[in-house]
């Protein structure tokens, strides 16, 4: 994504990232494997594992 786009639409990028997190949480709650969640959402595997740990506390 170009720098121009990010400068013009910073809130859109924020909401896109927030949506990825929400999607990952929903899938993890359904029991979907962390590798599959990472692949499907575009989040890093480390981030998905971190989210999963928080959900399982």
N, C-alpha and C. Protein backbone atom coordinates (compact mmCIF):
# COMPACT_ATOMS: atom_id res chain seq x y z
N UNK A 1 0.84 -1.17 0.00
CA UNK A 1 0.00 0.00 0.00
C UNK A 1 0.89 1.24 0.00
N UNK A 2 0.53 2.20 -0.76
CA UNK A 2 1.38 3.38 -0.91
C UNK A 2 1.33 4.27 0.32
N UNK A 3 2.36 5.07 0.48
CA UNK A 3 2.39 6.04 1.58
C UNK A 3 1.28 7.06 1.43
N UNK A 4 0.99 7.43 0.19
CA UNK A 4 -0.07 8.40 -0.07
C UNK A 4 -1.38 7.90 0.51
N UNK A 5 -1.71 6.65 0.26
CA UNK A 5 -2.95 6.07 0.75
C UNK A 5 -2.99 6.12 2.27
N UNK A 6 -1.91 5.73 2.90
CA UNK A 6 -1.86 5.72 4.36
C UNK A 6 -2.01 7.11 4.95
N UNK A 7 -1.43 8.12 4.29
CA UNK A 7 -1.56 9.49 4.77
C UNK A 7 -2.98 10.00 4.59
N UNK A 8 -3.63 9.62 3.51
CA UNK A 8 -4.96 10.10 3.22
C UNK A 8 -6.05 9.38 4.02
N UNK A 9 -5.80 8.14 4.37
CA UNK A 9 -6.82 7.33 5.03
C UNK A 9 -6.29 6.61 6.27
N UNK A 10 -5.73 7.34 7.24
CA UNK A 10 -5.16 6.66 8.41
C UNK A 10 -6.22 5.94 9.25
N UNK A 11 -7.43 6.48 9.34
CA UNK A 11 -8.46 5.81 10.13
C UNK A 11 -8.89 4.50 9.49
N UNK A 12 -8.92 4.47 8.18
CA UNK A 12 -9.30 3.24 7.49
C UNK A 12 -8.31 2.13 7.82
N UNK A 13 -7.03 2.47 7.86
CA UNK A 13 -6.00 1.48 8.21
C UNK A 13 -6.19 1.01 9.64
N UNK A 14 -6.54 1.92 10.53
CA UNK A 14 -6.77 1.56 11.93
C UNK A 14 -7.92 0.57 12.04
N UNK A 15 -9.02 0.87 11.37
CA UNK A 15 -10.19 0.00 11.43
C UNK A 15 -9.92 -1.36 10.78
N UNK A 16 -9.10 -1.35 9.75
CA UNK A 16 -8.73 -2.60 9.08
C UNK A 16 -7.96 -3.51 10.05
N UNK A 17 -7.03 -2.92 10.79
CA UNK A 17 -6.25 -3.68 11.77
C UNK A 17 -7.15 -4.18 12.90
N UNK A 18 -8.07 -3.32 13.34
CA UNK A 18 -9.00 -3.69 14.40
C UNK A 18 -9.90 -4.85 13.95
N UNK A 19 -10.31 -4.81 12.71
CA UNK A 19 -11.15 -5.87 12.15
C UNK A 19 -10.39 -7.20 12.11
N UNK A 20 -9.12 -7.15 11.77
CA UNK A 20 -8.30 -8.37 11.75
C UNK A 20 -8.22 -8.98 13.14
N UNK A 21 -8.04 -8.14 14.15
CA UNK A 21 -7.96 -8.63 15.52
C UNK A 21 -9.27 -9.27 15.96
N UNK A 22 -10.37 -8.59 15.65
CA UNK A 22 -11.69 -9.13 16.02
C UNK A 22 -11.96 -10.46 15.33
N UNK A 23 -11.58 -10.55 14.07
CA UNK A 23 -11.77 -11.79 13.33
C UNK A 23 -10.93 -12.91 13.94
N UNK A 24 -9.69 -12.61 14.28
CA UNK A 24 -8.82 -13.61 14.89
C UNK A 24 -9.40 -14.10 16.21
N UNK A 25 -9.90 -13.19 17.01
CA UNK A 25 -10.50 -13.57 18.31
C UNK A 25 -11.70 -14.49 18.10
N UNK A 26 -12.55 -14.14 17.15
CA UNK A 26 -13.73 -14.98 16.88
C UNK A 26 -13.33 -16.39 16.47
N UNK A 27 -12.36 -16.49 15.56
CA UNK A 27 -11.93 -17.81 15.10
C UNK A 27 -11.25 -18.60 16.22
N UNK A 28 -10.45 -17.94 17.03
CA UNK A 28 -9.79 -18.64 18.13
C UNK A 28 -10.82 -19.15 19.13
N UNK A 29 -11.86 -18.37 19.39
CA UNK A 29 -12.92 -18.82 20.30
C UNK A 29 -13.66 -20.03 19.75
N UNK A 30 -13.70 -20.15 18.42
CA UNK A 30 -14.34 -21.30 17.78
C UNK A 30 -13.42 -22.52 17.75
N UNK A 31 -12.15 -22.33 18.16
CA UNK A 31 -11.22 -23.45 18.21
C UNK A 31 -10.39 -23.64 16.96
N UNK A 32 -10.37 -22.63 16.09
CA UNK A 32 -9.57 -22.73 14.87
C UNK A 32 -8.09 -22.67 15.24
N UNK A 33 -7.29 -23.48 14.59
CA UNK A 33 -5.84 -23.57 14.82
C UNK A 33 -5.16 -22.21 14.62
N UNK A 34 -4.17 -21.88 15.45
CA UNK A 34 -3.48 -20.59 15.37
C UNK A 34 -2.82 -20.36 14.02
N UNK A 35 -2.30 -21.41 13.41
CA UNK A 35 -1.67 -21.25 12.08
C UNK A 35 -2.70 -20.85 11.03
N UNK A 36 -3.87 -21.45 11.11
CA UNK A 36 -4.94 -21.13 10.17
C UNK A 36 -5.43 -19.70 10.38
N UNK A 37 -5.57 -19.29 11.62
CA UNK A 37 -6.02 -17.93 11.94
C UNK A 37 -5.00 -16.91 11.41
N UNK A 38 -3.73 -17.18 11.64
CA UNK A 38 -2.69 -16.27 11.16
C UNK A 38 -2.72 -16.16 9.64
N UNK A 39 -2.86 -17.28 8.99
CA UNK A 39 -2.90 -17.30 7.53
C UNK A 39 -4.13 -16.57 6.99
N UNK A 40 -5.26 -16.79 7.62
CA UNK A 40 -6.51 -16.20 7.16
C UNK A 40 -6.66 -14.72 7.43
N UNK A 41 -6.06 -14.23 8.51
CA UNK A 41 -6.22 -12.83 8.87
C UNK A 41 -5.07 -11.95 8.41
N UNK A 42 -3.93 -12.57 8.12
CA UNK A 42 -2.76 -11.78 7.75
C UNK A 42 -1.97 -11.30 8.95
N UNK A 43 -2.40 -11.68 10.14
CA UNK A 43 -1.65 -11.34 11.36
C UNK A 43 -0.47 -12.30 11.48
N UNK A 44 0.55 -11.86 12.20
CA UNK A 44 1.70 -12.74 12.40
C UNK A 44 1.31 -13.88 13.33
N UNK A 45 2.00 -14.99 13.17
CA UNK A 45 1.74 -16.14 14.03
C UNK A 45 1.99 -15.78 15.49
N UNK A 46 3.04 -15.01 15.75
CA UNK A 46 3.34 -14.59 17.13
C UNK A 46 2.19 -13.79 17.72
N UNK A 47 1.60 -12.90 16.93
CA UNK A 47 0.48 -12.08 17.40
C UNK A 47 -0.73 -12.95 17.71
N UNK A 48 -1.02 -13.91 16.85
CA UNK A 48 -2.16 -14.80 17.06
C UNK A 48 -1.94 -15.66 18.29
N UNK A 49 -0.73 -16.14 18.49
CA UNK A 49 -0.43 -16.94 19.70
C UNK A 49 -0.60 -16.07 20.94
N UNK A 50 -0.17 -14.83 20.88
CA UNK A 50 -0.33 -13.90 22.01
C UNK A 50 -1.82 -13.69 22.33
N UNK A 51 -2.61 -13.48 21.31
CA UNK A 51 -4.06 -13.29 21.49
C UNK A 51 -4.67 -14.55 22.11
N UNK A 52 -4.27 -15.71 21.59
CA UNK A 52 -4.79 -16.98 22.10
C UNK A 52 -4.44 -17.17 23.58
N UNK A 53 -3.25 -16.81 23.96
CA UNK A 53 -2.85 -16.91 25.38
C UNK A 53 -3.74 -16.03 26.25
N UNK A 54 -4.01 -14.82 25.78
CA UNK A 54 -4.85 -13.90 26.54
C UNK A 54 -6.28 -14.45 26.70
N UNK A 55 -6.77 -15.07 25.64
CA UNK A 55 -8.12 -15.65 25.70
C UNK A 55 -8.20 -16.83 26.64
N UNK A 56 -7.11 -17.55 26.80
CA UNK A 56 -7.11 -18.77 27.61
C UNK A 56 -6.67 -18.56 29.05
N UNK A 57 -6.56 -17.33 29.49
CA UNK A 57 -6.17 -17.06 30.88
C UNK A 57 -7.30 -17.35 31.83
